[in-house]
Amino acid sequence: MEIDIGINAEDRKKIANGLSQLLADTYILYVKVHNFHWNVTGPMFSTLHQMFEQQYTELAMAVDLIAERIRALDHPAPGSYHQFSSLTTIPEETGVPSAQDMVRQLVAGNEAVVKTAKSIFASIDGVNDEATADILTQRIQLHEKTAWMLRSMLG
């Protein structure tokens, strides 16, 4: 059955492509935060371990929300690590950095997600896609706040 939500096929494709990059950034950030949760050490261990757990739990829910919006726009959501790696703007961490470097990387990762989310607004401008706008606004607010909190830990 044809989709008829008041957004034409070309606009839905542009939006879905942007959301696919947002999904990839969010997923790669999730993997990075989870890695850091497992591997953080040092005097801030307890605080960072708990903070990272809260962050990866929230990111896991966000991944589902973004993927489901892509599907609601009638496009397949990327779902493999290969796809995520080709779409993301966030560099992978293969080592175990210091706690301070972990925090720095997560500040940069959250800011990257903000930039990706903001870039999608150009695709939704004028097409009445309030559902995507709502998701983007929520993601921007959360990632800006998370980046601020992490940055504050650096002194």
C-alpha atoms as a PDB file:
ATOM      1  CA  MET A   1       0.000   0.000   0.000  1.00  0.00           C
ATOM      2  CA  GLU A   2       1.287   3.461  -0.889  1.00  0.00           C
ATOM      3  CA  ILE A   3       2.309   5.783   1.918  1.00  0.00           C
ATOM      4  CA  ASP A   4       0.282   9.006   2.109  1.00  0.00           C
ATOM      5  CA  ILE A   5       1.447  11.153   5.032  1.00  0.00           C
ATOM      6  CA  GLY A   6       1.591  14.459   3.202  1.00  0.00           C
ATOM      7  CA  ILE A   7       5.331  14.330   2.448  1.00  0.00           C
ATOM      8  CA  ASN A   8       6.331  13.444  -1.114  1.00  0.00           C
ATOM      9  CA  ALA A   9       8.680  10.556  -1.907  1.00  0.00           C
ATOM     10  CA  GLU A  10      11.683  12.759  -2.752  1.00  0.00           C
ATOM     11  CA  ASP A  11      11.427  14.708   0.509  1.00  0.00           C
ATOM     12  CA  ARG A  12      10.925  11.503   2.522  1.00  0.00           C
ATOM     13  CA  LYS A  13      14.093  10.083   0.950  1.00  0.00           C
ATOM     14  CA  LYS A  14      16.144  13.199   1.839  1.00  0.00           C
ATOM     15  CA  ILE A  15      14.848  13.116   5.405  1.00  0.00           C
ATOM     16  CA  ALA A  16      15.466   9.373   5.737  1.00  0.00           C
ATOM     17  CA  ASN A  17      19.030   9.811   4.444  1.00  0.00           C
ATOM     18  CA  GLY A  18      19.703  12.481   7.060  1.00  0.00           C
ATOM     19  CA  LEU A  19      18.113  10.369   9.776  1.00  0.00           C
ATOM     20  CA  SER A  20      20.265   7.420   8.668  1.00  0.00           C
ATOM     21  CA  GLN A  21      23.378   9.482   9.376  1.00  0.00           C
ATOM     22  CA  LEU A  22      21.895  10.521  12.728  1.00  0.00           C
ATOM     23  CA  LEU A  23      21.162   6.863  13.479  1.00  0.00           C
ATOM     24  CA  ALA A  24      24.751   5.912  12.604  1.00  0.00           C
ATOM     25  CA  ASP A  25      26.217   8.690  14.758  1.00  0.00           C
ATOM     26  CA  THR A  26      23.937   7.730  17.637  1.00  0.00           C
ATOM     27  CA  TYR A  27      24.788   4.047  17.361  1.00  0.00           C
ATOM     28  CA  ILE A  28      28.546   4.612  17.138  1.00  0.00           C
ATOM     29  CA  LEU A  29      28.347   6.972  20.125  1.00  0.00           C
ATOM     30  CA  TYR A  30      26.384   4.259  21.979  1.00  0.00           C
ATOM     31  CA  VAL A  31      29.150   1.718  21.273  1.00  0.00           C
ATOM     32  CA  LYS A  32      31.818   4.194  22.366  1.00  0.00           C
ATOM     33  CA  VAL A  33      30.053   5.082  25.624  1.00  0.00           C
ATOM     34  CA  HIS A  34      29.431   1.415  26.399  1.00  0.00           C
ATOM     35  CA  ASN A  35      33.114   0.636  25.754  1.00  0.00           C
ATOM     36  CA  PHE A  36      34.153   3.458  28.065  1.00  0.00           C
ATOM     37  CA  HIS A  37      31.676   2.301  30.733  1.00  0.00           C
ATOM     38  CA  TRP A  38      33.372  -1.093  30.761  1.00  0.00           C
ATOM     39  CA  ASN A  39      36.937   0.204  30.642  1.00  0.00           C
ATOM     40  CA  VAL A  40      37.103   3.452  32.632  1.00  0.00           C
ATOM     41  CA  THR A  41      39.592   3.542  35.512  1.00  0.00           C
ATOM     42  CA  GLY A  42      40.997   6.112  37.878  1.00  0.00           C
ATOM     43  CA  PRO A  43      39.818   8.398  40.665  1.00  0.00           C
ATOM     44  CA  MET A  44      36.573   9.280  38.840  1.00  0.00           C
ATOM     45  CA  PHE A  45      35.712   5.617  38.159  1.00  0.00           C
ATOM     46  CA  SER A  46      32.441   5.426  40.070  1.00  0.00           C
ATOM     47  CA  THR A  47      31.086   8.737  38.794  1.00  0.00           C
ATOM     48  CA  LEU A  48      32.038   8.071  35.170  1.00  0.00           C
ATOM     49  CA  HIS A  49      30.967   4.427  35.252  1.00  0.00           C
ATOM     50  CA  GLN A  50      27.470   5.453  36.407  1.00  0.00           C
ATOM     51  CA  MET A  51      27.281   8.449  34.062  1.00  0.00           C
ATOM     52  CA  PHE A  52      28.319   6.350  31.065  1.00  0.00           C
ATOM     53  CA  GLU A  53      25.685   3.723  31.930  1.00  0.00           C
ATOM     54  CA  GLN A  54      22.959   6.385  31.968  1.00  0.00           C
ATOM     55  CA  GLN A  55      24.207   7.692  28.632  1.00  0.00           C
ATOM     56  CA  TYR A  56      24.368   4.360  26.813  1.00  0.00           C
ATOM     57  CA  THR A  57      20.945   3.370  28.152  1.00  0.00           C
ATOM     58  CA  GLU A  58      19.442   6.596  26.780  1.00  0.00           C
ATOM     59  CA  LEU A  59      21.279   6.172  23.462  1.00  0.00           C
ATOM     60  CA  ALA A  60      19.912   2.630  23.072  1.00  0.00           C
ATOM     61  CA  MET A  61      16.373   4.007  23.253  1.00  0.00           C
ATOM     62  CA  ALA A  62      17.250   6.835  20.852  1.00  0.00           C
ATOM     63  CA  VAL A  63      18.572   4.397  18.241  1.00  0.00           C
ATOM     64  CA  ASP A  64      15.195   2.650  18.191  1.00  0.00           C
ATOM     65  CA  LEU A  65      13.266   5.928  17.976  1.00  0.00           C
ATOM     66  CA  ILE A  66      15.342   7.194  15.039  1.00  0.00           C
ATOM     67  CA  ALA A  67      15.199   3.873  13.169  1.00  0.00           C
ATOM     68  CA  GLU A  68      11.434   3.693  13.587  1.00  0.00           C
ATOM     69  CA  ARG A  69      11.050   7.217  12.174  1.00  0.00           C
ATOM     70  CA  ILE A  70      13.069   6.176   9.119  1.00  0.00           C
ATOM     71  CA  ARG A  71      10.718   3.211   8.695  1.00  0.00           C
ATOM     72  CA  ALA A  72       7.641   5.450   9.147  1.00  0.00           C
ATOM     73  CA  LEU A  73       8.974   7.466   6.200  1.00  0.00           C
ATOM     74  CA  ASP A  74       8.922   4.182   4.217  1.00  0.00           C
ATOM     75  CA  HIS A  75      12.686   3.699   3.946  1.00  0.00           C
ATOM     76  CA  PRO A  76      14.879   0.899   5.298  1.00  0.00           C
ATOM     77  CA  ALA A  77      16.880   1.804   8.383  1.00  0.00           C
ATOM     78  CA  PRO A  78      20.591   0.956   8.262  1.00  0.00           C
ATOM     79  CA  GLY A  79      21.303  -1.825  10.705  1.00  0.00           C
ATOM     80  CA  SER A  80      24.797  -3.193  10.187  1.00  0.00           C
ATOM     81  CA  TYR A  81      28.069  -2.047  11.637  1.00  0.00           C
ATOM     82  CA  HIS A  82      29.381  -1.686   8.074  1.00  0.00           C
ATOM     83  CA  GLN A  83      26.528   0.693   7.198  1.00  0.00           C
ATOM     84  CA  PHE A  84      26.940   2.657  10.420  1.00  0.00           C
ATOM     85  CA  SER A  85      30.704   2.944   9.855  1.00  0.00           C
ATOM     86  CA  SER A  86      30.185   4.354   6.373  1.00  0.00           C
ATOM     87  CA  LEU A  87      27.580   6.901   7.531  1.00  0.00           C
ATOM     88  CA  THR A  88      28.973   8.154  10.854  1.00  0.00           C
ATOM     89  CA  THR A  89      31.021  11.265  11.519  1.00  0.00           C
ATOM     90  CA  ILE A  90      32.277   9.890  14.862  1.00  0.00           C
ATOM     91  CA  PRO A  91      35.668   8.143  14.872  1.00  0.00           C
ATOM     92  CA  GLU A  92      35.863   4.666  16.360  1.00  0.00           C
ATOM     93  CA  GLU A  93      38.012   4.095  19.458  1.00  0.00           C
ATOM     94  CA  THR A  94      39.887   0.803  19.388  1.00  0.00           C
ATOM     95  CA  GLY A  95      42.070   1.359  22.434  1.00  0.00           C
ATOM     96  CA  VAL A  96      41.499   2.232  26.063  1.00  0.00           C
ATOM     97  CA  PRO A  97      42.141   5.948  26.531  1.00  0.00           C
ATOM     98  CA  SER A  98      42.533   7.650  29.888  1.00  0.00           C
ATOM     99  CA  ALA A  99      39.359   8.718  31.677  1.00  0.00           C
ATOM    100  CA  GLN A 100      40.018  12.345  30.682  1.00  0.00           C
ATOM    101  CA  ASP A 101      40.430  11.355  27.034  1.00  0.00           C
ATOM    102  CA  MET A 102      37.239   9.316  27.228  1.00  0.00           C
ATOM    103  CA  VAL A 103      35.390  12.397  28.436  1.00  0.00           C
ATOM    104  CA  ARG A 104      36.949  14.529  25.679  1.00  0.00           C
ATOM    105  CA  GLN A 105      35.938  12.002  23.021  1.00  0.00           C
ATOM    106  CA  LEU A 106      32.387  11.873  24.354  1.00  0.00           C
ATOM    107  CA  VAL A 107      32.122  15.675  24.332  1.00  0.00           C
ATOM    108  CA  ALA A 108      33.180  15.612  20.669  1.00  0.00           C
ATOM    109  CA  GLY A 109      30.818  12.721  19.912  1.00  0.00           C
ATOM    110  CA  ASN A 110      27.826  14.444  21.455  1.00  0.00           C
ATOM    111  CA  GLU A 111      28.649  17.649  19.595  1.00  0.00           C
ATOM    112  CA  ALA A 112      28.907  15.655  16.341  1.00  0.00           C
ATOM    113  CA  VAL A 113      25.406  14.260  16.908  1.00  0.00           C
ATOM    114  CA  VAL A 114      24.124  17.811  17.489  1.00  0.00           C
ATOM    115  CA  LYS A 115      25.629  18.972  14.186  1.00  0.00           C
ATOM    116  CA  THR A 116      24.183  16.015  12.309  1.00  0.00           C
ATOM    117  CA  ALA A 117      20.730  16.582  13.824  1.00  0.00           C
ATOM    118  CA  LYS A 118      20.847  20.285  12.960  1.00  0.00           C
ATOM    119  CA  SER A 119      21.828  19.507   9.371  1.00  0.00           C
ATOM    120  CA  ILE A 120      18.589  17.572   8.834  1.00  0.00           C
ATOM    121  CA  PHE A 121      16.424  20.645   9.459  1.00  0.00           C
ATOM    122  CA  ALA A 122      17.181  21.833   5.906  1.00  0.00           C
ATOM    123  CA  SER A 123      15.416  18.689   4.610  1.00  0.00           C
ATOM    124  CA  ILE A 124      12.305  19.157   6.720  1.00  0.00           C
ATOM    125  CA  ASP A 125      11.940  22.891   6.219  1.00  0.00           C
ATOM    126  CA  GLY A 126       8.648  23.514   4.458  1.00  0.00           C
ATOM    127  CA  VAL A 127       7.470  19.888   4.217  1.00  0.00           C
ATOM    128  CA  ASN A 128       5.426  19.759   7.442  1.00  0.00           C
ATOM    129  CA  ASP A 129       7.379  16.923   9.056  1.00  0.00           C
ATOM    130  CA  GLU A 130       6.672  17.827  12.660  1.00  0.00           C
ATOM    131  CA  ALA A 131       7.425  14.288  13.879  1.00  0.00           C
ATOM    132  CA  THR A 132      11.009  14.448  12.619  1.00  0.00           C
ATOM    133  CA  ALA A 133      11.395  18.025  13.870  1.00  0.00           C
ATOM    134  CA  ASP A 134      10.319  16.875  17.330  1.00  0.00           C
ATOM    135  CA  ILE A 135      12.849  14.032  17.349  1.00  0.00           C
ATOM    136  CA  LEU A 136      15.626  16.350  16.161  1.00  0.00           C
ATOM    137  CA  THR A 137      14.839  19.008  18.759  1.00  0.00           C
ATOM    138  CA  GLN A 138      14.837  16.444  21.563  1.00  0.00           C
ATOM    139  CA  ARG A 139      18.115  14.900  20.378  1.00  0.00           C
ATOM    140  CA  ILE A 140      19.784  18.311  20.084  1.00  0.00           C
ATOM    141  CA  GLN A 141      18.705  19.342  23.587  1.00  0.00           C
ATOM    142  CA  LEU A 142      19.877  16.088  25.146  1.00  0.00           C
ATOM    143  CA  HIS A 143      23.257  15.989  23.380  1.00  0.00           C
ATOM    144  CA  GLU A 144      24.008  19.656  24.059  1.00  0.00           C
ATOM    145  CA  LYS A 145      23.264  19.085  27.757  1.00  0.00           C
ATOM    146  CA  THR A 146      25.355  15.904  27.846  1.00  0.00           C
ATOM    147  CA  ALA A 147      28.279  17.650  26.149  1.00  0.00           C
ATOM    148  CA  TRP A 148      28.038  20.506  28.661  1.00  0.00           C
ATOM    149  CA  MET A 149      28.011  18.113  31.632  1.00  0.00           C
ATOM    150  CA  LEU A 150      30.956  16.132  30.290  1.00  0.00           C
ATOM    151  CA  ARG A 151      32.886  19.298  29.429  1.00  0.00           C
ATOM    152  CA  SER A 152      32.330  20.520  32.995  1.00  0.00           C
ATOM    153  CA  MET A 153      34.168  17.467  34.293  1.00  0.00           C
ATOM    154  CA  LEU A 154      37.294  18.575  32.455  1.00  0.00           C
ATOM    155  CA  GLY A 155      37.616  21.708  34.584  1.00  0.00           C
END
